[in-house]
């Protein structure tokens, strides 16, 4: 009558253990598949000293480009122009202040001898 309770108690299958070689081959295979699916192939660099592999990826992938709002280059240019104008204005005001002080000193020096 209760034979169905014994059904779940059978031997559980053991997990297959991968060797290091199998793990490495699987990872390389998955990486190659992922790279092959990209529209632009990244440049691959291998550092022989540290044995590191690096990729020069594009700035945005096609799926990221769809998710991000389009950049507004006009605003970026306007902000850059405003920053330059502010810097120039600060420089000019410092120069004008310096010239005004020099003129005031000259006028003061000219007034002193005539008053004496």
Protein backbone atom coordinates (compact mmCIF):
# COMPACT_ATOMS: atom_id res chain seq x y z
CA UNK A 1 0.00 0.00 0.00
CA UNK A 2 2.76 2.46 0.83
CA UNK A 3 5.19 1.37 -1.85
CA UNK A 4 5.13 4.87 -3.36
CA UNK A 5 7.00 6.17 -0.30
CA UNK A 6 9.99 4.02 -1.19
CA UNK A 7 10.03 5.46 -4.69
CA UNK A 8 11.78 8.66 -3.59
CA UNK A 9 14.41 6.83 -1.53
CA UNK A 10 16.35 5.30 -4.38
CA UNK A 11 20.00 6.01 -5.05
CA UNK A 12 20.57 9.57 -6.17
CA UNK A 13 22.73 9.93 -9.25
CA UNK A 14 26.17 11.28 -8.44
CA UNK A 15 27.22 14.53 -10.01
CA UNK A 16 29.72 14.12 -12.82
CA UNK A 17 33.06 15.57 -11.79
CA UNK A 18 34.91 17.47 -14.49
CA UNK A 19 38.64 17.24 -14.74
CA UNK A 20 40.61 20.46 -15.02
CA UNK A 21 41.21 19.75 -18.71
CA UNK A 22 37.49 19.25 -19.36
CA UNK A 23 36.64 22.45 -17.45
CA UNK A 24 39.23 24.44 -19.39
CA UNK A 25 38.11 23.05 -22.76
CA UNK A 26 34.46 23.81 -21.93
CA UNK A 27 35.28 27.39 -20.89
CA UNK A 28 37.37 28.02 -24.01
CA UNK A 29 34.60 26.58 -26.18
CA UNK A 30 31.97 28.80 -24.53
CA UNK A 31 34.23 31.85 -24.86
CA UNK A 32 34.86 31.17 -28.55
CA UNK A 33 31.11 30.81 -29.15
CA UNK A 34 30.43 34.10 -27.38
CA UNK A 35 33.14 35.91 -29.38
CA UNK A 36 31.89 34.44 -32.66
CA UNK A 37 28.40 35.75 -31.97
CA UNK A 38 29.60 39.37 -31.66
CA UNK A 39 29.08 41.68 -34.66
CA UNK A 40 32.52 43.27 -34.13
CA UNK A 41 35.43 41.04 -33.27
CA UNK A 42 37.39 42.33 -30.27
CA UNK A 43 41.16 42.54 -30.34
CA UNK A 44 42.68 39.84 -28.14
CA UNK A 45 45.82 40.57 -26.11
CA UNK A 46 47.76 37.93 -24.21
CA UNK A 47 50.16 39.11 -21.52
CA UNK A 48 52.96 36.53 -21.45
CA UNK A 49 54.26 37.72 -18.08
CA UNK A 50 51.00 37.36 -16.13
CA UNK A 51 49.34 34.86 -18.51
CA UNK A 52 46.25 37.07 -18.69
CA UNK A 53 43.99 37.38 -21.70
CA UNK A 54 42.30 40.73 -22.32
CA UNK A 55 39.92 41.98 -24.98
CA UNK A 56 39.53 45.43 -26.53
CA UNK A 57 35.75 45.65 -26.60
CA UNK A 58 33.67 48.20 -28.49
CA UNK A 59 32.34 51.06 -26.39
CA UNK A 60 28.78 49.71 -26.60
CA UNK A 61 27.37 46.44 -27.79
CA UNK A 62 24.28 46.46 -30.03
CA UNK A 63 21.98 45.35 -27.22
CA UNK A 64 23.37 48.04 -24.91
CA UNK A 65 22.89 50.68 -27.59
CA UNK A 66 19.20 49.81 -27.75
CA UNK A 67 18.83 50.08 -23.97
CA UNK A 68 20.64 53.40 -23.58
CA UNK A 69 19.27 56.78 -24.57
CA UNK A 70 20.90 58.34 -27.60
CA UNK A 71 23.70 60.74 -26.65
CA UNK A 72 23.08 64.40 -27.28
CA UNK A 73 26.31 65.79 -28.74
CA UNK A 74 24.97 69.36 -28.98
CA UNK A 75 24.57 69.59 -25.21
CA UNK A 76 28.06 68.22 -24.67
CA UNK A 77 29.51 70.81 -27.04
CA UNK A 78 27.49 73.60 -25.44
CA UNK A 79 28.69 72.57 -21.97
CA UNK A 80 32.29 72.48 -23.18
CA UNK A 81 31.94 75.93 -24.74
CA UNK A 82 30.40 77.28 -21.55
CA UNK A 83 33.28 75.87 -19.50
CA UNK A 84 35.85 77.46 -21.81
CA UNK A 85 34.02 80.80 -21.73
CA UNK A 86 33.92 80.71 -17.93
CA UNK A 87 37.65 79.95 -17.76
CA UNK A 88 38.46 82.75 -20.19
CA UNK A 89 36.18 85.15 -18.32
CA UNK A 90 37.98 84.35 -15.05
CA UNK A 91 41.36 84.89 -16.72
CA UNK A 92 40.21 88.15 -18.28
CA UNK A 93 38.76 89.45 -15.03
CA UNK A 94 42.02 88.66 -13.26
CA UNK A 95 43.93 90.53 -15.98
CA UNK A 96 41.51 93.47 -15.82
CA UNK A 97 41.79 93.57 -12.04
CA UNK A 98 45.57 93.51 -12.29
CA UNK A 99 45.59 96.30 -14.88
CA UNK A 100 43.15 98.35 -12.79
CA UNK A 101 45.38 98.01 -9.74
CA UNK A 102 48.46 98.97 -11.76
CA UNK A 103 46.61 102.02 -13.15
CA UNK A 104 45.45 103.01 -9.67
CA UNK A 105 49.01 102.75 -8.33
CA UNK A 106 50.28 104.87 -11.23
CA UNK A 107 47.60 107.49 -10.66
CA UNK A 108 48.31 107.48 -6.93
CA UNK A 109 52.06 107.94 -7.61
CA UNK A 110 51.29 110.81 -10.00
CA UNK A 111 48.98 112.50 -7.49
CA UNK A 112 51.41 112.28 -4.55
CA UNK A 113 54.21 114.45 -6.03
CA UNK A 114 51.83 117.17 -7.17
CA UNK A 115 50.13 117.34 -3.77
CA UNK A 116 53.46 117.77 -1.95
